[in-house]
Structures are given as C-alpha cells and as structure tokens.
C-alpha atoms as a PDB file:
ATOM      1  CA  UNK A   1    -242.466-246.810-149.856  1.00  0.00           C
ATOM      2  CA  UNK A   2    -241.698-245.153-146.526  1.00  0.00           C
ATOM      3  CA  UNK A   3    -238.222-246.702-146.445  1.00  0.00           C
ATOM      4  CA  UNK A   4    -237.476-245.067-149.810  1.00  0.00           C
ATOM      5  CA  UNK A   5    -238.977-241.822-148.576  1.00  0.00           C
ATOM      6  CA  UNK A   6    -236.831-241.805-145.422  1.00  0.00           C
ATOM      7  CA  UNK A   7    -233.668-242.661-147.339  1.00  0.00           C
ATOM      8  CA  UNK A   8    -234.182-239.914-149.898  1.00  0.00           C
ATOM      9  CA  UNK A   9    -235.306-237.383-147.308  1.00  0.00           C
ATOM     10  CA  UNK A  10    -232.116-237.948-145.304  1.00  0.00           C
ATOM     11  CA  UNK A  11    -230.031-237.702-148.469  1.00  0.00           C
ATOM     12  CA  UNK A  12    -231.341-234.174-149.067  1.00  0.00           C
ATOM     13  CA  UNK A  13    -230.087-233.062-145.661  1.00  0.00           C
ATOM     14  CA  UNK A  14    -226.900-235.121-145.818  1.00  0.00           C
ATOM     15  CA  UNK A  15    -225.867-232.897-148.715  1.00  0.00           C
ATOM     16  CA  UNK A  16    -225.901-229.092-149.016  1.00  0.00           C
ATOM     17  CA  UNK A  17    -228.903-229.110-151.382  1.00  0.00           C
ATOM     18  CA  UNK A  18    -231.715-228.752-148.842  1.00  0.00           C
ATOM     19  CA  UNK A  19    -229.849-226.197-146.720  1.00  0.00           C
ATOM     20  CA  UNK A  20    -228.832-224.140-149.758  1.00  0.00           C
ATOM     21  CA  UNK A  21    -232.353-224.139-151.193  1.00  0.00           C
ATOM     22  CA  UNK A  22    -234.010-223.228-147.903  1.00  0.00           C
ATOM     23  CA  UNK A  23    -231.392-220.543-147.198  1.00  0.00           C
ATOM     24  CA  UNK A  24    -231.698-218.987-150.658  1.00  0.00           C
ATOM     25  CA  UNK A  25    -235.486-219.191-150.562  1.00  0.00           C
ATOM     26  CA  UNK A  26    -235.692-217.485-147.160  1.00  0.00           C
ATOM     27  CA  UNK A  27    -233.198-214.809-148.206  1.00  0.00           C
ATOM     28  CA  UNK A  28    -235.289-213.878-151.241  1.00  0.00           C
ATOM     29  CA  UNK A  29    -238.543-214.025-149.282  1.00  0.00           C
ATOM     30  CA  UNK A  30    -237.027-211.886-146.527  1.00  0.00           C
ATOM     31  CA  UNK A  31    -236.095-209.234-149.073  1.00  0.00           C
ATOM     32  CA  UNK A  32    -239.582-209.290-150.584  1.00  0.00           C
ATOM     33  CA  UNK A  33    -241.208-209.232-147.155  1.00  0.00           C
ATOM     34  CA  UNK A  34    -239.160-206.211-146.146  1.00  0.00           C
ATOM     35  CA  UNK A  35    -240.287-204.359-149.286  1.00  0.00           C
ATOM     36  CA  UNK A  36    -243.948-205.213-148.607  1.00  0.00           C
ATOM     37  CA  UNK A  37    -244.041-204.192-144.938  1.00  0.00           C
ATOM     38  CA  UNK A  38    -245.331-200.703-145.688  1.00  0.00           C
ATOM     39  CA  UNK A  39    -248.359-202.038-147.574  1.00  0.00           C
ATOM     40  CA  UNK A  40    -250.348-202.954-144.467  1.00  0.00           C
ATOM     41  CA  UNK A  41    -251.382-206.235-142.886  1.00  0.00           C
ATOM     42  CA  UNK A  42    -253.072-208.011-145.814  1.00  0.00           C
ATOM     43  CA  UNK A  43    -249.939-208.846-147.788  1.00  0.00           C
ATOM     44  CA  UNK A  44    -249.933-212.620-147.310  1.00  0.00           C
ATOM     45  CA  UNK A  45    -251.590-213.254-150.665  1.00  0.00           C
ATOM     46  CA  UNK A  46    -248.890-211.255-152.446  1.00  0.00           C
ATOM     47  CA  UNK A  47    -246.097-212.967-150.528  1.00  0.00           C
ATOM     48  CA  UNK A  48    -247.415-216.450-151.247  1.00  0.00           C
ATOM     49  CA  UNK A  49    -247.807-215.519-154.922  1.00  0.00           C
ATOM     50  CA  UNK A  50    -244.130-214.561-154.977  1.00  0.00           C
ATOM     51  CA  UNK A  51    -243.291-217.847-153.261  1.00  0.00           C
ATOM     52  CA  UNK A  52    -245.176-219.742-155.976  1.00  0.00           C
ATOM     53  CA  UNK A  53    -243.237-217.845-158.640  1.00  0.00           C
ATOM     54  CA  UNK A  54    -239.926-218.836-157.064  1.00  0.00           C
ATOM     55  CA  UNK A  55    -240.931-222.504-157.324  1.00  0.00           C
ATOM     56  CA  UNK A  56    -240.103-222.268-161.029  1.00  0.00           C
ATOM     57  CA  UNK A  57    -236.427-222.282-160.001  1.00  0.00           C
ATOM     58  CA  UNK A  58    -236.572-224.108-156.654  1.00  0.00           C
ATOM     59  CA  UNK A  59    -238.443-227.266-157.701  1.00  0.00           C
ATOM     60  CA  UNK A  60    -236.171-228.224-160.651  1.00  0.00           C
ATOM     61  CA  UNK A  61    -233.169-228.141-158.314  1.00  0.00           C
ATOM     62  CA  UNK A  62    -235.068-230.023-155.606  1.00  0.00           C
ATOM     63  CA  UNK A  63    -236.243-232.836-157.891  1.00  0.00           C
ATOM     64  CA  UNK A  64    -233.446-233.158-160.441  1.00  0.00           C
ATOM     65  CA  UNK A  65    -231.698-235.899-158.462  1.00  0.00           C
ATOM     66  CA  UNK A  66    -234.825-237.893-157.530  1.00  0.00           C
ATOM     67  CA  UNK A  67    -234.531-240.469-160.311  1.00  0.00           C
ATOM     68  CA  UNK A  68    -231.503-239.280-162.284  1.00  0.00           C
ATOM     69  CA  UNK A  69    -229.057-239.852-159.419  1.00  0.00           C
ATOM     70  CA  UNK A  70    -230.057-243.518-159.061  1.00  0.00           C
ATOM     71  CA  UNK A  71    -229.444-244.009-162.767  1.00  0.00           C
ATOM     72  CA  UNK A  72    -226.055-242.347-162.625  1.00  0.00           C
ATOM     73  CA  UNK A  73    -224.919-244.264-159.508  1.00  0.00           C
ATOM     74  CA  UNK A  74    -226.296-247.590-160.721  1.00  0.00           C
ATOM     75  CA  UNK A  75    -228.649-247.929-157.744  1.00  0.00           C
ATOM     76  CA  UNK A  76    -231.659-247.805-160.061  1.00  0.00           C
ATOM     77  CA  UNK A  77    -231.080-251.483-160.875  1.00  0.00           C
ATOM     78  CA  UNK A  78    -231.343-252.324-157.173  1.00  0.00           C
ATOM     79  CA  UNK A  79    -234.625-250.444-156.934  1.00  0.00           C
ATOM     80  CA  UNK A  80    -236.046-252.060-160.060  1.00  0.00           C
ATOM     81  CA  UNK A  81    -235.130-255.560-158.856  1.00  0.00           C
ATOM     82  CA  UNK A  82    -236.252-254.969-155.260  1.00  0.00           C
ATOM     83  CA  UNK A  83    -239.482-256.642-154.086  1.00  0.00           C
ATOM     84  CA  UNK A  84    -241.423-253.372-154.162  1.00  0.00           C
ATOM     85  CA  UNK A  85    -243.974-252.067-156.600  1.00  0.00           C
ATOM     86  CA  UNK A  86    -242.970-249.311-158.977  1.00  0.00           C
ATOM     87  CA  UNK A  87    -245.798-247.198-157.575  1.00  0.00           C
ATOM     88  CA  UNK A  88    -244.199-247.415-154.130  1.00  0.00           C
ATOM     89  CA  UNK A  89    -240.839-246.318-155.533  1.00  0.00           C
ATOM     90  CA  UNK A  90    -242.360-243.293-157.232  1.00  0.00           C
ATOM     91  CA  UNK A  91    -244.486-242.320-154.230  1.00  0.00           C
ATOM     92  CA  UNK A  92    -241.499-242.699-151.937  1.00  0.00           C
ATOM     93  CA  UNK A  93    -239.445-240.368-154.149  1.00  0.00           C
ATOM     94  CA  UNK A  94    -242.331-237.911-154.364  1.00  0.00           C
ATOM     95  CA  UNK A  95    -242.996-237.898-150.607  1.00  0.00           C
ATOM     96  CA  UNK A  96    -239.302-237.311-149.868  1.00  0.00           C
ATOM     97  CA  UNK A  97    -239.103-234.242-152.120  1.00  0.00           C
ATOM     98  CA  UNK A  98    -242.522-233.057-150.971  1.00  0.00           C
ATOM     99  CA  UNK A  99    -241.452-233.366-147.316  1.00  0.00           C
ATOM    100  CA  UNK A 100    -238.439-231.138-147.985  1.00  0.00           C
ATOM    101  CA  UNK A 101    -240.821-228.703-149.684  1.00  0.00           C
ATOM    102  CA  UNK A 102    -243.079-228.762-146.595  1.00  0.00           C
ATOM    103  CA  UNK A 103    -240.086-228.030-144.357  1.00  0.00           C
ATOM    104  CA  UNK A 104    -239.265-225.074-146.596  1.00  0.00           C
ATOM    105  CA  UNK A 105    -242.897-223.957-146.455  1.00  0.00           C
ATOM    106  CA  UNK A 106    -242.992-224.311-142.686  1.00  0.00           C
ATOM    107  CA  UNK A 107    -239.996-221.997-142.295  1.00  0.00           C
ATOM    108  CA  UNK A 108    -241.844-219.276-144.243  1.00  0.00           C
ATOM    109  CA  UNK A 109    -244.592-219.242-141.599  1.00  0.00           C
ATOM    110  CA  UNK A 110    -242.397-216.778-139.761  1.00  0.00           C
ATOM    111  CA  UNK A 111    -243.777-214.082-142.071  1.00  0.00           C
ATOM    112  CA  UNK A 112    -247.489-214.634-141.262  1.00  0.00           C
ATOM    113  CA  UNK A 113    -246.517-214.827-137.575  1.00  0.00           C
ATOM    114  CA  UNK A 114    -244.811-211.430-137.813  1.00  0.00           C
ATOM    115  CA  UNK A 115    -247.931-210.059-139.524  1.00  0.00           C
ATOM    116  CA  UNK A 116    -250.095-211.634-136.814  1.00  0.00           C
ATOM    117  CA  UNK A 117    -248.075-209.948-134.071  1.00  0.00           C
ATOM    118  CA  UNK A 118    -247.830-206.592-135.842  1.00  0.00           C
ATOM    119  CA  UNK A 119    -251.397-206.273-137.109  1.00  0.00           C
ATOM    120  CA  UNK A 120    -254.696-208.002-137.821  1.00  0.00           C
ATOM    121  CA  UNK A 121    -254.172-210.366-140.728  1.00  0.00           C
ATOM    122  CA  UNK A 122    -256.921-212.147-142.626  1.00  0.00           C
ATOM    123  CA  UNK A 123    -256.525-215.682-141.209  1.00  0.00           C
ATOM    124  CA  UNK A 124    -258.811-217.373-143.800  1.00  0.00           C
ATOM    125  CA  UNK A 125    -256.797-215.669-146.559  1.00  0.00           C
ATOM    126  CA  UNK A 126    -253.534-216.974-145.075  1.00  0.00           C
ATOM    127  CA  UNK A 127    -254.889-220.533-144.861  1.00  0.00           C
ATOM    128  CA  UNK A 128    -256.314-220.398-148.378  1.00  0.00           C
ATOM    129  CA  UNK A 129    -253.132-218.933-149.875  1.00  0.00           C
ATOM    130  CA  UNK A 130    -250.933-221.565-148.228  1.00  0.00           C
ATOM    131  CA  UNK A 131    -253.279-224.388-149.257  1.00  0.00           C
ATOM    132  CA  UNK A 132    -253.051-223.273-152.881  1.00  0.00           C
ATOM    133  CA  UNK A 133    -249.274-222.940-152.591  1.00  0.00           C
ATOM    134  CA  UNK A 134    -248.884-226.463-151.189  1.00  0.00           C
ATOM    135  CA  UNK A 135    -251.095-227.963-153.901  1.00  0.00           C
ATOM    136  CA  UNK A 136    -249.144-226.085-156.552  1.00  0.00           C
ATOM    137  CA  UNK A 137    -245.896-227.324-155.030  1.00  0.00           C
ATOM    138  CA  UNK A 138    -247.177-230.919-155.163  1.00  0.00           C
ATOM    139  CA  UNK A 139    -247.990-230.477-158.860  1.00  0.00           C
ATOM    140  CA  UNK A 140    -244.589-229.024-159.705  1.00  0.00           C
ATOM    141  CA  UNK A 141    -242.739-231.670-157.691  1.00  0.00           C
ATOM    142  CA  UNK A 142    -244.597-234.499-159.429  1.00  0.00           C
ATOM    143  CA  UNK A 143    -243.653-232.923-162.764  1.00  0.00           C
ATOM    144  CA  UNK A 144    -240.033-232.563-161.642  1.00  0.00           C
ATOM    145  CA  UNK A 145    -239.845-236.225-160.646  1.00  0.00           C
ATOM    146  CA  UNK A 146    -241.271-237.211-164.018  1.00  0.00           C
ATOM    147  CA  UNK A 147    -238.601-235.101-165.724  1.00  0.00           C
ATOM    148  CA  UNK A 148    -235.919-236.746-163.576  1.00  0.00           C
ATOM    149  CA  UNK A 149    -237.130-240.197-164.645  1.00  0.00           C
ATOM    150  CA  UNK A 150    -236.437-239.386-168.295  1.00  0.00           C
ATOM    151  CA  UNK A 151    -232.656-238.936-168.001  1.00  0.00           C
ATOM    152  CA  UNK A 152    -229.650-239.757-165.879  1.00  0.00           C
ATOM    153  CA  UNK A 153    -228.236-236.252-166.257  1.00  0.00           C
ATOM    154  CA  UNK A 154    -229.389-234.056-163.385  1.00  0.00           C
ATOM    155  CA  UNK A 155    -228.788-230.821-165.297  1.00  0.00           C
ATOM    156  CA  UNK A 156    -230.920-232.002-168.210  1.00  0.00           C
ATOM    157  CA  UNK A 157    -233.602-233.140-165.751  1.00  0.00           C
ATOM    158  CA  UNK A 158    -233.654-229.703-164.124  1.00  0.00           C
ATOM    159  CA  UNK A 159    -233.894-227.965-167.514  1.00  0.00           C
ATOM    160  CA  UNK A 160    -236.781-230.210-168.619  1.00  0.00           C
ATOM    161  CA  UNK A 161    -238.514-229.536-165.310  1.00  0.00           C
ATOM    162  CA  UNK A 162    -237.984-225.770-165.498  1.00  0.00           C
ATOM    163  CA  UNK A 163    -239.283-225.521-169.082  1.00  0.00           C
ATOM    164  CA  UNK A 164    -242.264-227.757-168.291  1.00  0.00           C
ATOM    165  CA  UNK A 165    -243.232-225.750-165.213  1.00  0.00           C
ATOM    166  CA  UNK A 166    -242.899-222.535-167.196  1.00  0.00           C
ATOM    167  CA  UNK A 167    -245.213-223.915-169.888  1.00  0.00           C
ATOM    168  CA  UNK A 168    -247.774-225.035-167.311  1.00  0.00           C
ATOM    169  CA  UNK A 169    -247.680-221.597-165.714  1.00  0.00           C
ATOM    170  CA  UNK A 170    -248.416-220.022-169.101  1.00  0.00           C
ATOM    171  CA  UNK A 171    -250.949-222.455-170.555  1.00  0.00           C
ATOM    172  CA  UNK A 172    -253.612-219.750-170.317  1.00  0.00           C
ATOM    173  CA  UNK A 173    -251.481-217.436-172.437  1.00  0.00           C
ATOM    174  CA  UNK A 174    -250.856-220.173-174.999  1.00  0.00           C
ATOM    175  CA  UNK A 175    -254.615-220.543-175.372  1.00  0.00           C
ATOM    176  CA  UNK A 176    -254.763-217.123-177.048  1.00  0.00           C
ATOM    177  CA  UNK A 177    -252.943-218.581-180.067  1.00  0.00           C
ATOM    178  CA  UNK A 178    -255.717-221.091-180.710  1.00  0.00           C
ATOM    179  CA  UNK A 179    -259.448-221.094-181.228  1.00  0.00           C
ATOM    180  CA  UNK A 180    -262.302-223.525-180.857  1.00  0.00           C
ATOM    181  CA  UNK A 181    -261.659-226.819-179.077  1.00  0.00           C
ATOM    182  CA  UNK A 182    -257.916-226.225-178.656  1.00  0.00           C
ATOM    183  CA  UNK A 183    -258.567-222.868-177.022  1.00  0.00           C
ATOM    184  CA  UNK A 184    -261.019-224.433-174.568  1.00  0.00           C
ATOM    185  CA  UNK A 185    -258.642-227.312-173.872  1.00  0.00           C
ATOM    186  CA  UNK A 186    -255.731-224.991-173.055  1.00  0.00           C
ATOM    187  CA  UNK A 187    -257.950-222.803-170.871  1.00  0.00           C
ATOM    188  CA  UNK A 188    -259.202-225.879-169.013  1.00  0.00           C
ATOM    189  CA  UNK A 189    -255.613-227.010-168.384  1.00  0.00           C
ATOM    190  CA  UNK A 190    -254.601-223.562-167.114  1.00  0.00           C
ATOM    191  CA  UNK A 191    -253.755-223.408-163.427  1.00  0.00           C
ATOM    192  CA  UNK A 192    -253.409-219.630-163.135  1.00  0.00           C
ATOM    193  CA  UNK A 193    -257.085-218.788-162.594  1.00  0.00           C
ATOM    194  CA  UNK A 194    -257.579-221.688-160.203  1.00  0.00           C
ATOM    195  CA  UNK A 195    -254.518-220.718-158.181  1.00  0.00           C
ATOM    196  CA  UNK A 196    -255.496-217.033-158.140  1.00  0.00           C
ATOM    197  CA  UNK A 197    -258.702-218.013-156.324  1.00  0.00           C
ATOM    198  CA  UNK A 198    -256.621-219.372-153.430  1.00  0.00           C
ATOM    199  CA  UNK A 199    -254.621-216.130-153.323  1.00  0.00           C
ATOM    200  CA  UNK A 200    -257.891-214.224-152.939  1.00  0.00           C
ATOM    201  CA  UNK A 201    -259.081-216.423-150.086  1.00  0.00           C
ATOM    202  CA  UNK A 202    -261.430-218.573-152.178  1.00  0.00           C
ATOM    203  CA  UNK A 203    -261.174-222.334-151.621  1.00  0.00           C
ATOM    204  CA  UNK A 204    -262.950-224.112-154.464  1.00  0.00           C
ATOM    205  CA  UNK A 205    -263.194-227.884-154.044  1.00  0.00           C
ATOM    206  CA  UNK A 206    -263.106-228.257-157.822  1.00  0.00           C
ATOM    207  CA  UNK A 207    -259.743-226.467-157.965  1.00  0.00           C
ATOM    208  CA  UNK A 208    -258.373-228.627-155.133  1.00  0.00           C
ATOM    209  CA  UNK A 209    -259.367-231.825-156.939  1.00  0.00           C
ATOM    210  CA  UNK A 210    -258.066-230.452-160.242  1.00  0.00           C
ATOM    211  CA  UNK A 211    -254.571-229.735-158.859  1.00  0.00           C
ATOM    212  CA  UNK A 212    -254.412-233.120-157.089  1.00  0.00           C
ATOM    213  CA  UNK A 213    -255.432-234.923-160.285  1.00  0.00           C
ATOM    214  CA  UNK A 214    -252.946-232.843-162.291  1.00  0.00           C
ATOM    215  CA  UNK A 215    -250.125-233.942-159.978  1.00  0.00           C
ATOM    216  CA  UNK A 216    -251.339-237.556-160.078  1.00  0.00           C
ATOM    217  CA  UNK A 217    -251.076-237.618-163.876  1.00  0.00           C
ATOM    218  CA  UNK A 218    -247.330-236.902-163.745  1.00  0.00           C
ATOM    219  CA  UNK A 219    -246.809-239.522-161.040  1.00  0.00           C
ATOM    220  CA  UNK A 220    -248.660-242.066-163.180  1.00  0.00           C
ATOM    221  CA  UNK A 221    -246.511-241.120-166.171  1.00  0.00           C
ATOM    222  CA  UNK A 222    -243.397-241.605-164.027  1.00  0.00           C
ATOM    223  CA  UNK A 223    -244.619-245.061-163.011  1.00  0.00           C
ATOM    224  CA  UNK A 224    -245.104-245.946-166.664  1.00  0.00           C
ATOM    225  CA  UNK A 225    -241.576-244.790-167.564  1.00  0.00           C
ATOM    226  CA  UNK A 226    -240.017-246.877-164.794  1.00  0.00           C
ATOM    227  CA  UNK A 227    -242.183-249.903-165.508  1.00  0.00           C
ATOM    228  CA  UNK A 228    -241.012-249.866-169.110  1.00  0.00           C
ATOM    229  CA  UNK A 229    -237.405-249.858-167.918  1.00  0.00           C
ATOM    230  CA  UNK A 230    -238.094-252.655-165.445  1.00  0.00           C
ATOM    231  CA  UNK A 231    -239.580-254.864-168.156  1.00  0.00           C
ATOM    232  CA  UNK A 232    -236.761-254.032-170.576  1.00  0.00           C
ATOM    233  CA  UNK A 233    -234.251-255.228-167.971  1.00  0.00           C
ATOM    234  CA  UNK A 234    -236.170-258.413-167.348  1.00  0.00           C
END
C-alpha cells in the first residue's frame, strides 16, 4: 500500500500537475484573501469556505489520473496481478492524492499565520474550519478516485468527478423537489449543513463520522470495481 502511495505521490511532483494546481490554488486564495483583509480578523471561516468551493475544480484534476492513467498505460494489469490486495491498491492511490491535498492545504496556512500576526484570530474557529475542510477534501478525493476507476480517459474521469461533486454539494437543494421519505433521505445525505457547522467553529463528532463514512463508501465502491476487473482477467 505504502509503495503504491509513494510511487503515485512522486508521480504528481514529477509532472507539472501538483505544481500547477498548488500555484493556481494559492493565486486564487491570495486574491480572495486580499479582498477580505478589510473585514477584520475573523475571516478564516469565509476563506476556508472559499477553499472548499474551489475543490469542485481542483479535486477532479488531482484525481483524474489515479486509476485512468494505469489503464491507459497498461500498468493496471501489473497492479491487478501483483501480490497485493485490491484494498491496498485503492488505499495507496487515495493516500497519494490525499497527501498532495494536504501539502496544498499546508501551504494555505500562510493566511491564518498572517491573521495571527496582524490581529487576534479565533484559534478554535481556525482549527474547526480546517478540520471540516480536510474531511471534505477526503470525501471528494475518494469520489474522484472512484470516478477514475470507471474509465481510462482522464478527461471523462474528471468530468464524472466534477458532476458528482457538484451533485453532492447540492443534495440539500435537490431534496426540495421531493417529499416524504425521499426528502428525508436527500436531507440526510446533504453535507452542506454538517460542513457549515465546522465553518462556525462547531465540531460535531456525528458530522466527523458521517464524512469519514461517506468517503469510505466511495473507496469501497472503487474496490468493488477493480475486483470485478481482476476476476474478469483471471
């Protein structure tokens, strides 16, 4: 698992993808941060909310090559015939993309540090907002890897991931079109209210477990997709 993680993590930085994503992400966040400076010291929640919104575009690009590239290059066969469990393959791919995401997140800490030096920020709010952001990132990345496992075309994988993330972000809105059990089901699956709690400095253990389980579902689905391919290839 860790060998796969290390290989994929290096591959991100051996190509322009990681540098381009981090550079673009920091450029956009720098522009937003500059526009928020006049609002006072408690702007971390707003900044992290903007960061979470940008994940709609960042994560599909980050994860589109996770599985699709192996299919295109023919290295998927080597992985499927290697003496490793499918779960280890999927977790290795997930941890590699998630590690790049954590590097990207770590770079953004420059903004809370500036706020810390310039004023008196709400430290619990900063910690809560970043915890929610990291959990949300884990969910989106697991979904992106699942999307990448469905096709060998990276562009198609990124489109599937983008549309899926958009739908997850708007599940609460979709609930308004239904009533009864379907309405309750959509509202229960909504992540917006749970994530908003983190942005307000509220850490609810139920929301933490919910987001972790949500991400785990997509990883399990990815394992099932790959296992089916492994059995089909003997």
